[in-house]
All heavy atoms as atom14 arrays in JSON, in Angstrom:
{
  "sequence": "VTVNGTPTQFSGTSSTVAALLDFLGLAGKPVVVELNQRALFPRE",
  "atom14_mask": [
    [1, 1, 1, 1, 1, 1, 1, 0, 0, 0, 0, 0, 0, 0],
    [1, 1, 1, 1, 1, 1, 1, 0, 0, 0, 0, 0, 0, 0],
    [1, 1, 1, 1, 1, 1, 1, 0, 0, 0, 0, 0, 0, 0],
    [1, 1, 1, 1, 1, 1, 1, 1, 0, 0, 0, 0, 0, 0],
    [1, 1, 1, 1, 0, 0, 0, 0, 0, 0, 0, 0, 0, 0],
    [1, 1, 1, 1, 1, 1, 1, 0, 0, 0, 0, 0, 0, 0],
    [1, 1, 1, 1, 1, 1, 1, 0, 0, 0, 0, 0, 0, 0],
    [1, 1, 1, 1, 1, 1, 1, 0, 0, 0, 0, 0, 0, 0],
    [1, 1, 1, 1, 1, 1, 1, 1, 1, 0, 0, 0, 0, 0],
    [1, 1, 1, 1, 1, 1, 1, 1, 1, 1, 1, 0, 0, 0],
    [1, 1, 1, 1, 1, 1, 0, 0, 0, 0, 0, 0, 0, 0],
    [1, 1, 1, 1, 0, 0, 0, 0, 0, 0, 0, 0, 0, 0],
    [1, 1, 1, 1, 1, 1, 1, 0, 0, 0, 0, 0, 0, 0],
    [1, 1, 1, 1, 1, 1, 0, 0, 0, 0, 0, 0, 0, 0],
    [1, 1, 1, 1, 1, 1, 0, 0, 0, 0, 0, 0, 0, 0],
    [1, 1, 1, 1, 1, 1, 1, 0, 0, 0, 0, 0, 0, 0],
    [1, 1, 1, 1, 1, 1, 1, 0, 0, 0, 0, 0, 0, 0],
    [1, 1, 1, 1, 1, 0, 0, 0, 0, 0, 0, 0, 0, 0],
    [1, 1, 1, 1, 1, 0, 0, 0, 0, 0, 0, 0, 0, 0],
    [1, 1, 1, 1, 1, 1, 1, 1, 0, 0, 0, 0, 0, 0],
    [1, 1, 1, 1, 1, 1, 1, 1, 0, 0, 0, 0, 0, 0],
    [1, 1, 1, 1, 1, 1, 1, 1, 0, 0, 0, 0, 0, 0],
    [1, 1, 1, 1, 1, 1, 1, 1, 1, 1, 1, 0, 0, 0],
    [1, 1, 1, 1, 1, 1, 1, 1, 0, 0, 0, 0, 0, 0],
    [1, 1, 1, 1, 0, 0, 0, 0, 0, 0, 0, 0, 0, 0],
    [1, 1, 1, 1, 1, 1, 1, 1, 0, 0, 0, 0, 0, 0],
    [1, 1, 1, 1, 1, 0, 0, 0, 0, 0, 0, 0, 0, 0],
    [1, 1, 1, 1, 0, 0, 0, 0, 0, 0, 0, 0, 0, 0],
    [1, 1, 1, 1, 1, 1, 1, 1, 1, 0, 0, 0, 0, 0],
    [1, 1, 1, 1, 1, 1, 1, 0, 0, 0, 0, 0, 0, 0],
    [1, 1, 1, 1, 1, 1, 1, 0, 0, 0, 0, 0, 0, 0],
    [1, 1, 1, 1, 1, 1, 1, 0, 0, 0, 0, 0, 0, 0],
    [1, 1, 1, 1, 1, 1, 1, 0, 0, 0, 0, 0, 0, 0],
    [1, 1, 1, 1, 1, 1, 1, 1, 1, 0, 0, 0, 0, 0],
    [1, 1, 1, 1, 1, 1, 1, 1, 0, 0, 0, 0, 0, 0],
    [1, 1, 1, 1, 1, 1, 1, 1, 0, 0, 0, 0, 0, 0],
    [1, 1, 1, 1, 1, 1, 1, 1, 1, 0, 0, 0, 0, 0],
    [1, 1, 1, 1, 1, 1, 1, 1, 1, 1, 1, 0, 0, 0],
    [1, 1, 1, 1, 1, 0, 0, 0, 0, 0, 0, 0, 0, 0],
    [1, 1, 1, 1, 1, 1, 1, 1, 0, 0, 0, 0, 0, 0],
    [1, 1, 1, 1, 1, 1, 1, 1, 1, 1, 1, 0, 0, 0],
    [1, 1, 1, 1, 1, 1, 1, 0, 0, 0, 0, 0, 0, 0],
    [1, 1, 1, 1, 1, 1, 1, 1, 1, 1, 1, 0, 0, 0],
    [1, 1, 1, 1, 1, 1, 1, 1, 1, 0, 0, 0, 0, 0]
  ],
  "atom14_positions": [
    [[16.84, 7.03, 3.05], [15.89, 7.13, 1.95], [14.85, 8.17, 2.36], [14.77, 8.55, 3.53], [15.22, 5.76, 1.66], [16.23, 4.75, 1.18], [14.47, 5.23, 2.86], [0.0, 0.0, 0.0], [0.0, 0.0, 0.0], [0.0, 0.0, 0.0], [0.0, 0.0, 0.0], [0.0, 0.0, 0.0], [0.0, 0.0, 0.0], [0.0, 0.0, 0.0]],
    [[14.06, 8.61, 1.41], [13.0, 9.56, 1.71], [11.67, 8.84, 1.53], [11.4, 8.28, 0.47], [13.07, 10.78, 0.77], [14.34, 11.41, 0.95], [11.97, 11.77, 1.08], [0.0, 0.0, 0.0], [0.0, 0.0, 0.0], [0.0, 0.0, 0.0], [0.0, 0.0, 0.0], [0.0, 0.0, 0.0], [0.0, 0.0, 0.0], [0.0, 0.0, 0.0]],
    [[10.86, 8.83, 2.59], [9.57, 8.16, 2.57], [8.48, 9.21, 2.77], [8.44, 9.87, 3.81], [9.47, 7.08, 3.68], [8.11, 6.42, 3.66], [10.58, 6.04, 3.51], [0.0, 0.0, 0.0], [0.0, 0.0, 0.0], [0.0, 0.0, 0.0], [0.0, 0.0, 0.0], [0.0, 0.0, 0.0], [0.0, 0.0, 0.0], [0.0, 0.0, 0.0]],
    [[7.66, 9.39, 1.76], [6.57, 10.38, 1.8], [7.09, 11.75, 2.21], [6.49, 12.44, 3.04], [5.44, 9.91, 2.71], [4.73, 8.7, 2.18], [4.9, 8.31, 1.03], [3.93, 8.07, 3.01], [0.0, 0.0, 0.0], [0.0, 0.0, 0.0], [0.0, 0.0, 0.0], [0.0, 0.0, 0.0], [0.0, 0.0, 0.0], [0.0, 0.0, 0.0]],
    [[8.23, 12.13, 1.65], [8.79, 13.45, 1.89], [9.63, 13.58, 3.15], [10.17, 14.65, 3.41], [0.0, 0.0, 0.0], [0.0, 0.0, 0.0], [0.0, 0.0, 0.0], [0.0, 0.0, 0.0], [0.0, 0.0, 0.0], [0.0, 0.0, 0.0], [0.0, 0.0, 0.0], [0.0, 0.0, 0.0], [0.0, 0.0, 0.0], [0.0, 0.0, 0.0]],
    [[9.75, 12.52, 3.93], [10.5, 12.57, 5.19], [11.77, 11.74, 5.09], [11.7, 10.54, 4.8], [9.64, 12.02, 6.35], [8.44, 12.78, 6.43], [10.39, 12.1, 7.67], [0.0, 0.0, 0.0], [0.0, 0.0, 0.0], [0.0, 0.0, 0.0], [0.0, 0.0, 0.0], [0.0, 0.0, 0.0], [0.0, 0.0, 0.0], [0.0, 0.0, 0.0]],
    [[12.94, 12.35, 5.33], [14.17, 11.56, 5.35], [14.08, 10.48, 6.43], [13.69, 10.76, 7.56], [15.25, 12.58, 5.68], [14.66, 13.9, 5.32], [13.19, 13.76, 5.57], [0.0, 0.0, 0.0], [0.0, 0.0, 0.0], [0.0, 0.0, 0.0], [0.0, 0.0, 0.0], [0.0, 0.0, 0.0], [0.0, 0.0, 0.0], [0.0, 0.0, 0.0]],
    [[14.4, 9.25, 6.06], [14.28, 8.11, 6.96], [15.56, 7.32, 6.96], [16.03, 6.91, 5.9], [13.1, 7.21, 6.53], [11.91, 8.01, 6.49], [12.92, 6.04, 7.46], [0.0, 0.0, 0.0], [0.0, 0.0, 0.0], [0.0, 0.0, 0.0], [0.0, 0.0, 0.0], [0.0, 0.0, 0.0], [0.0, 0.0, 0.0], [0.0, 0.0, 0.0]],
    [[16.13, 7.11, 8.14], [17.34, 6.29, 8.28], [16.9, 4.84, 8.39], [16.12, 4.5, 9.27], [18.13, 6.72, 9.52], [19.51, 6.15, 9.59], [20.43, 6.66, 8.49], [20.3, 7.78, 8.02], [21.34, 5.83, 8.06], [0.0, 0.0, 0.0], [0.0, 0.0, 0.0], [0.0, 0.0, 0.0], [0.0, 0.0, 0.0], [0.0, 0.0, 0.0]],
    [[17.38, 4.0, 7.49], [16.97, 2.6, 7.44], [18.21, 1.73, 7.5], [19.12, 1.86, 6.7], [16.18, 2.34, 6.15], [15.89, 0.89, 5.89], [15.15, 0.14, 6.78], [16.34, 0.28, 4.74], [14.86, -1.18, 6.54], [16.06, -1.05, 4.48], [15.32, -1.78, 5.38], [0.0, 0.0, 0.0], [0.0, 0.0, 0.0], [0.0, 0.0, 0.0]],
    [[18.23, 0.83, 8.48], [19.38, -0.06, 8.62], [18.9, -1.49, 8.85], [19.28, -2.14, 9.8], [20.28, 0.38, 9.77], [19.54, 0.41, 10.97], [0.0, 0.0, 0.0], [0.0, 0.0, 0.0], [0.0, 0.0, 0.0], [0.0, 0.0, 0.0], [0.0, 0.0, 0.0], [0.0, 0.0, 0.0], [0.0, 0.0, 0.0], [0.0, 0.0, 0.0]],
    [[18.03, -1.95, 7.97], [17.5, -3.3, 8.09], [18.54, -4.33, 7.68], [19.6, -4.01, 7.14], [0.0, 0.0, 0.0], [0.0, 0.0, 0.0], [0.0, 0.0, 0.0], [0.0, 0.0, 0.0], [0.0, 0.0, 0.0], [0.0, 0.0, 0.0], [0.0, 0.0, 0.0], [0.0, 0.0, 0.0], [0.0, 0.0, 0.0], [0.0, 0.0, 0.0]],
    [[18.23, -5.59, 7.92], [19.15, -6.66, 7.56], [19.18, -6.88, 6.05], [20.16, -7.38, 5.51], [18.75, -7.98, 8.25], [17.4, -8.29, 7.88], [18.86, -7.87, 9.76], [0.0, 0.0, 0.0], [0.0, 0.0, 0.0], [0.0, 0.0, 0.0], [0.0, 0.0, 0.0], [0.0, 0.0, 0.0], [0.0, 0.0, 0.0], [0.0, 0.0, 0.0]],
    [[18.12, -6.49, 5.37], [18.04, -6.59, 3.92], [17.64, -5.23, 3.38], [16.81, -4.55, 3.97], [17.0, -7.65, 3.53], [16.78, -7.62, 2.14], [0.0, 0.0, 0.0], [0.0, 0.0, 0.0], [0.0, 0.0, 0.0], [0.0, 0.0, 0.0], [0.0, 0.0, 0.0], [0.0, 0.0, 0.0], [0.0, 0.0, 0.0], [0.0, 0.0, 0.0]],
    [[18.23, -4.83, 2.29], [17.92, -3.51, 1.74], [16.95, -3.63, 0.58], [17.25, -3.27, -0.55], [19.21, -2.83, 1.28], [20.07, -2.63, 2.36], [0.0, 0.0, 0.0], [0.0, 0.0, 0.0], [0.0, 0.0, 0.0], [0.0, 0.0, 0.0], [0.0, 0.0, 0.0], [0.0, 0.0, 0.0], [0.0, 0.0, 0.0], [0.0, 0.0, 0.0]],
    [[15.77, -4.17, 0.87], [14.73, -4.27, -0.15], [13.53, -3.44, 0.28], [13.41, -3.04, 1.44], [14.26, -5.73, -0.34], [13.65, -6.18, 0.87], [15.41, -6.64, -0.75], [0.0, 0.0, 0.0], [0.0, 0.0, 0.0], [0.0, 0.0, 0.0], [0.0, 0.0, 0.0], [0.0, 0.0, 0.0], [0.0, 0.0, 0.0], [0.0, 0.0, 0.0]],
    [[12.65, -3.21, -0.66], [11.43, -2.47, -0.35], [10.61, -3.22, 0.7], [10.09, -2.63, 1.65], [10.6, -2.21, -1.63], [9.27, -1.56, -1.28], [11.38, -1.33, -2.6], [0.0, 0.0, 0.0], [0.0, 0.0, 0.0], [0.0, 0.0, 0.0], [0.0, 0.0, 0.0], [0.0, 0.0, 0.0], [0.0, 0.0, 0.0], [0.0, 0.0, 0.0]],
    [[10.54, -4.55, 0.58], [9.78, -5.35, 1.56], [10.37, -5.2, 2.96], [9.64, -5.11, 3.94], [9.76, -6.82, 1.14], [0.0, 0.0, 0.0], [0.0, 0.0, 0.0], [0.0, 0.0, 0.0], [0.0, 0.0, 0.0], [0.0, 0.0, 0.0], [0.0, 0.0, 0.0], [0.0, 0.0, 0.0], [0.0, 0.0, 0.0], [0.0, 0.0, 0.0]],
    [[11.7, -5.18, 3.07], [12.35, -5.0, 4.38], [12.03, -3.62, 4.96], [11.82, -3.49, 6.16], [13.85, -5.21, 4.25], [0.0, 0.0, 0.0], [0.0, 0.0, 0.0], [0.0, 0.0, 0.0], [0.0, 0.0, 0.0], [0.0, 0.0, 0.0], [0.0, 0.0, 0.0], [0.0, 0.0, 0.0], [0.0, 0.0, 0.0], [0.0, 0.0, 0.0]],
    [[11.99, -2.61, 4.11], [11.64, -1.27, 4.59], [10.2, -1.25, 5.09], [9.91, -0.66, 6.14], [11.84, -0.24, 3.49], [11.41, 1.19, 3.85], [12.29, 1.76, 4.97], [11.43, 2.09, 2.63], [0.0, 0.0, 0.0], [0.0, 0.0, 0.0], [0.0, 0.0, 0.0], [0.0, 0.0, 0.0], [0.0, 0.0, 0.0], [0.0, 0.0, 0.0]],
    [[9.28, -1.88, 4.36], [7.89, -1.93, 4.8], [7.79, -2.62, 6.15], [7.03, -2.19, 7.03], [7.02, -2.63, 3.76], [6.83, -1.89, 2.44], [6.02, -2.74, 1.47], [6.19, -0.54, 2.64], [0.0, 0.0, 0.0], [0.0, 0.0, 0.0], [0.0, 0.0, 0.0], [0.0, 0.0, 0.0], [0.0, 0.0, 0.0], [0.0, 0.0, 0.0]],
    [[8.55, -3.69, 6.34], [8.58, -4.38, 7.63], [9.1, -3.45, 8.72], [8.52, -3.36, 9.8], [9.44, -5.63, 7.52], [9.38, -6.48, 8.78], [8.27, -6.69, 9.31], [10.45, -6.91, 9.24], [0.0, 0.0, 0.0], [0.0, 0.0, 0.0], [0.0, 0.0, 0.0], [0.0, 0.0, 0.0], [0.0, 0.0, 0.0], [0.0, 0.0, 0.0]],
    [[10.16, -2.73, 8.44], [10.77, -1.77, 9.37], [9.76, -0.7, 9.78], [9.73, -0.26, 10.93], [12.0, -1.16, 8.7], [12.66, -0.05, 9.47], [13.49, -0.34, 10.54], [12.48, 1.28, 9.11], [14.11, 0.68, 11.25], [13.09, 2.3, 9.81], [13.92, 1.99, 10.88], [0.0, 0.0, 0.0], [0.0, 0.0, 0.0], [0.0, 0.0, 0.0]],
    [[8.91, -0.29, 8.83], [7.92, 0.76, 9.08], [6.62, 0.22, 9.67], [5.69, 0.98, 9.93], [7.62, 1.51, 7.77], [8.78, 2.28, 7.16], [8.4, 2.82, 5.79], [9.24, 3.41, 8.08], [0.0, 0.0, 0.0], [0.0, 0.0, 0.0], [0.0, 0.0, 0.0], [0.0, 0.0, 0.0], [0.0, 0.0, 0.0], [0.0, 0.0, 0.0]],
    [[6.54, -1.1, 9.86], [5.34, -1.69, 10.42], [4.22, -1.88, 9.41], [3.06, -2.0, 9.78], [0.0, 0.0, 0.0], [0.0, 0.0, 0.0], [0.0, 0.0, 0.0], [0.0, 0.0, 0.0], [0.0, 0.0, 0.0], [0.0, 0.0, 0.0], [0.0, 0.0, 0.0], [0.0, 0.0, 0.0], [0.0, 0.0, 0.0], [0.0, 0.0, 0.0]],
    [[4.57, -1.91, 8.13], [3.56, -2.03, 7.08], [3.58, -3.38, 6.37], [2.86, -3.58, 5.4], [3.75, -0.91, 6.04], [3.54, 0.5, 6.57], [3.96, 1.53, 5.52], [2.1, 0.71, 6.97], [0.0, 0.0, 0.0], [0.0, 0.0, 0.0], [0.0, 0.0, 0.0], [0.0, 0.0, 0.0], [0.0, 0.0, 0.0], [0.0, 0.0, 0.0]],
    [[4.4, -4.3, 6.85], [4.49, -5.62, 6.21], [3.14, -6.32, 6.28], [2.47, -6.31, 7.31], [5.56, -6.46, 6.88], [0.0, 0.0, 0.0], [0.0, 0.0, 0.0], [0.0, 0.0, 0.0], [0.0, 0.0, 0.0], [0.0, 0.0, 0.0], [0.0, 0.0, 0.0], [0.0, 0.0, 0.0], [0.0, 0.0, 0.0], [0.0, 0.0, 0.0]],
    [[2.71, -6.89, 5.18], [1.46, -7.63, 5.14], [0.23, -6.77, 4.99], [-0.88, -7.28, 4.89], [0.0, 0.0, 0.0], [0.0, 0.0, 0.0], [0.0, 0.0, 0.0], [0.0, 0.0, 0.0], [0.0, 0.0, 0.0], [0.0, 0.0, 0.0], [0.0, 0.0, 0.0], [0.0, 0.0, 0.0], [0.0, 0.0, 0.0], [0.0, 0.0, 0.0]],
    [[0.4, -5.46, 4.99], [-0.73, -4.56, 4.84], [-0.82, -4.13, 3.38], [0.19, -4.08, 2.68], [-0.58, -3.34, 5.74], [-0.59, -3.71, 7.21], [-0.52, -2.51, 8.09], [-0.56, -2.98, 9.55], [-0.44, -1.86, 10.47], [0.0, 0.0, 0.0], [0.0, 0.0, 0.0], [0.0, 0.0, 0.0], [0.0, 0.0, 0.0], [0.0, 0.0, 0.0]],
    [[-2.04, -3.81, 2.91], [-2.16, -3.37, 1.52], [-1.57, -1.96, 1.34], [-2.08, -0.99, 1.89], [-3.67, -3.39, 1.27], [-4.28, -3.28, 2.63], [-3.31, -3.88, 3.6], [0.0, 0.0, 0.0], [0.0, 0.0, 0.0], [0.0, 0.0, 0.0], [0.0, 0.0, 0.0], [0.0, 0.0, 0.0], [0.0, 0.0, 0.0], [0.0, 0.0, 0.0]],
    [[-0.46, -1.9, 0.62], [0.25, -0.65, 0.43], [0.61, -0.5, -1.05], [1.08, -1.45, -1.68], [1.56, -0.63, 1.26], [2.33, 0.67, 1.05], [1.25, -0.81, 2.74], [0.0, 0.0, 0.0], [0.0, 0.0, 0.0], [0.0, 0.0, 0.0], [0.0, 0.0, 0.0], [0.0, 0.0, 0.0], [0.0, 0.0, 0.0], [0.0, 0.0, 0.0]],
    [[0.39, 0.68, -1.57], [0.84, 1.01, -2.92], [2.21, 1.68, -2.75], [2.36, 2.59, -1.94], [-0.14, 1.95, -3.64], [0.42, 2.38, -4.99], [-1.49, 1.29, -3.79], [0.0, 0.0, 0.0], [0.0, 0.0, 0.0], [0.0, 0.0, 0.0], [0.0, 0.0, 0.0], [0.0, 0.0, 0.0], [0.0, 0.0, 0.0], [0.0, 0.0, 0.0]],
    [[3.2, 1.2, -3.52], [4.56, 1.71, -3.39], [5.03, 2.29, -4.71], [4.94, 1.66, -5.76], [5.53, 0.59, -2.96], [6.96, 1.12, -2.87], [5.1, -0.02, -1.63], [0.0, 0.0, 0.0], [0.0, 0.0, 0.0], [0.0, 0.0, 0.0], [0.0, 0.0, 0.0], [0.0, 0.0, 0.0], [0.0, 0.0, 0.0], [0.0, 0.0, 0.0]],
    [[5.55, 3.52, -4.62], [6.2, 4.15, -5.76], [7.65, 4.39, -5.37], [7.93, 4.98, -4.32], [5.52, 5.47, -6.08], [6.06, 6.16, -7.31], [5.35, 7.46, -7.59], [5.81, 8.5, -7.06], [4.33, 7.45, -8.3], [0.0, 0.0, 0.0], [0.0, 0.0, 0.0], [0.0, 0.0, 0.0], [0.0, 0.0, 0.0], [0.0, 0.0, 0.0]],
    [[8.57, 3.89, -6.17], [10.0, 4.04, -5.92], [10.61, 4.87, -7.03], [10.58, 4.47, -8.2], [10.68, 2.67, -5.84], [12.2, 2.64, -5.73], [12.67, 3.33, -4.46], [12.71, 1.22, -5.79], [0.0, 0.0, 0.0], [0.0, 0.0, 0.0], [0.0, 0.0, 0.0], [0.0, 0.0, 0.0], [0.0, 0.0, 0.0], [0.0, 0.0, 0.0]],
    [[11.13, 6.03, -6.68], [11.74, 6.94, -7.66], [10.8, 7.16, -8.85], [11.19, 7.07, -10.0], [13.1, 6.4, -8.12], [14.07, 6.3, -6.98], [14.08, 7.12, -6.07], [14.88, 5.26, -6.99], [0.0, 0.0, 0.0], [0.0, 0.0, 0.0], [0.0, 0.0, 0.0], [0.0, 0.0, 0.0], [0.0, 0.0, 0.0], [0.0, 0.0, 0.0]],
    [[9.55, 7.47, -8.54], [8.5, 7.81, -9.49], [8.08, 6.64, -10.38], [7.53, 6.85, -11.46], [8.91, 9.02, -10.35], [9.17, 10.25, -9.52], [9.51, 11.45, -10.36], [9.85, 11.35, -11.53], [9.43, 12.62, -9.76], [0.0, 0.0, 0.0], [0.0, 0.0, 0.0], [0.0, 0.0, 0.0], [0.0, 0.0, 0.0], [0.0, 0.0, 0.0]],
    [[8.31, 5.41, -9.93], [7.89, 4.21, -10.66], [7.07, 3.34, -9.72], [7.57, 2.93, -8.67], [9.1, 3.43, -11.16], [8.73, 2.16, -11.9], [9.98, 1.37, -12.31], [9.61, 0.02, -12.66], [9.6, -1.02, -11.84], [9.95, -0.89, -10.58], [9.26, -2.22, -12.26], [0.0, 0.0, 0.0], [0.0, 0.0, 0.0], [0.0, 0.0, 0.0]],
    [[5.81, 3.08, -10.09], [4.96, 2.23, -9.27], [5.45, 0.79, -9.33], [5.85, 0.31, -10.39], [3.51, 2.33, -9.74], [0.0, 0.0, 0.0], [0.0, 0.0, 0.0], [0.0, 0.0, 0.0], [0.0, 0.0, 0.0], [0.0, 0.0, 0.0], [0.0, 0.0, 0.0], [0.0, 0.0, 0.0], [0.0, 0.0, 0.0], [0.0, 0.0, 0.0]],
    [[5.43, 0.12, -8.18], [5.87, -1.27, -8.11], [4.67, -2.19, -7.97], [3.69, -1.86, -7.29], [6.79, -1.48, -6.91], [8.08, -0.68, -6.88], [8.84, -0.96, -5.58], [8.95, -1.01, -8.07], [0.0, 0.0, 0.0], [0.0, 0.0, 0.0], [0.0, 0.0, 0.0], [0.0, 0.0, 0.0], [0.0, 0.0, 0.0], [0.0, 0.0, 0.0]],
    [[4.76, -3.36, -8.58], [3.77, -4.41, -8.37], [4.07, -5.05, -7.02], [5.23, -5.15, -6.61], [3.86, -5.48, -9.47], [3.37, -5.02, -10.81], [4.26, -4.69, -11.81], [2.01, -4.91, -11.06], [3.82, -4.27, -13.05], [1.55, -4.49, -12.3], [2.46, -4.17, -13.3], [0.0, 0.0, 0.0], [0.0, 0.0, 0.0], [0.0, 0.0, 0.0]],
    [[3.05, -5.55, -6.33], [3.3, -6.22, -5.05], [4.33, -7.35, -5.15], [5.13, -7.54, -4.24], [1.92, -6.75, -4.65], [0.97, -5.8, -5.3], [1.61, -5.43, -6.61], [0.0, 0.0, 0.0], [0.0, 0.0, 0.0], [0.0, 0.0, 0.0], [0.0, 0.0, 0.0], [0.0, 0.0, 0.0], [0.0, 0.0, 0.0], [0.0, 0.0, 0.0]],
    [[4.35, -8.06, -6.25], [5.3, -9.16, -6.42], [6.75, -8.67, -6.52], [7.68, -9.46, -6.39], [4.94, -9.99, -7.65], [5.09, -9.24, -8.95], [4.79, -10.13, -10.17], [4.89, -9.39, -11.4], [3.88, -8.87, -12.08], [2.65, -9.05, -11.65], [4.09, -8.2, -13.19], [0.0, 0.0, 0.0], [0.0, 0.0, 0.0], [0.0, 0.0, 0.0]],
    [[6.96, -7.39, -6.75], [8.3, -6.83, -6.89], [8.91, -6.38, -5.56], [10.11, -6.11, -5.5], [8.3, -5.63, -7.85], [7.9, -5.96, -9.27], [7.86, -4.72, -10.13], [6.97, -3.86, -9.9], [8.71, -4.62, -11.03], [0.0, 0.0, 0.0], [0.0, 0.0, 0.0], [0.0, 0.0, 0.0], [0.0, 0.0, 0.0], [0.0, 0.0, 0.0]]
  ]
}
């Protein structure tokens, strides 16, 4: 996937946005996420 313009290899146990945030060390931190030009709600 591409994260903030940087190609990133992700091989987590779950392929969700939350799993990626955990992989990047951002789990539980206040983060605004846009996926393919669509902003996500934290509950998503």
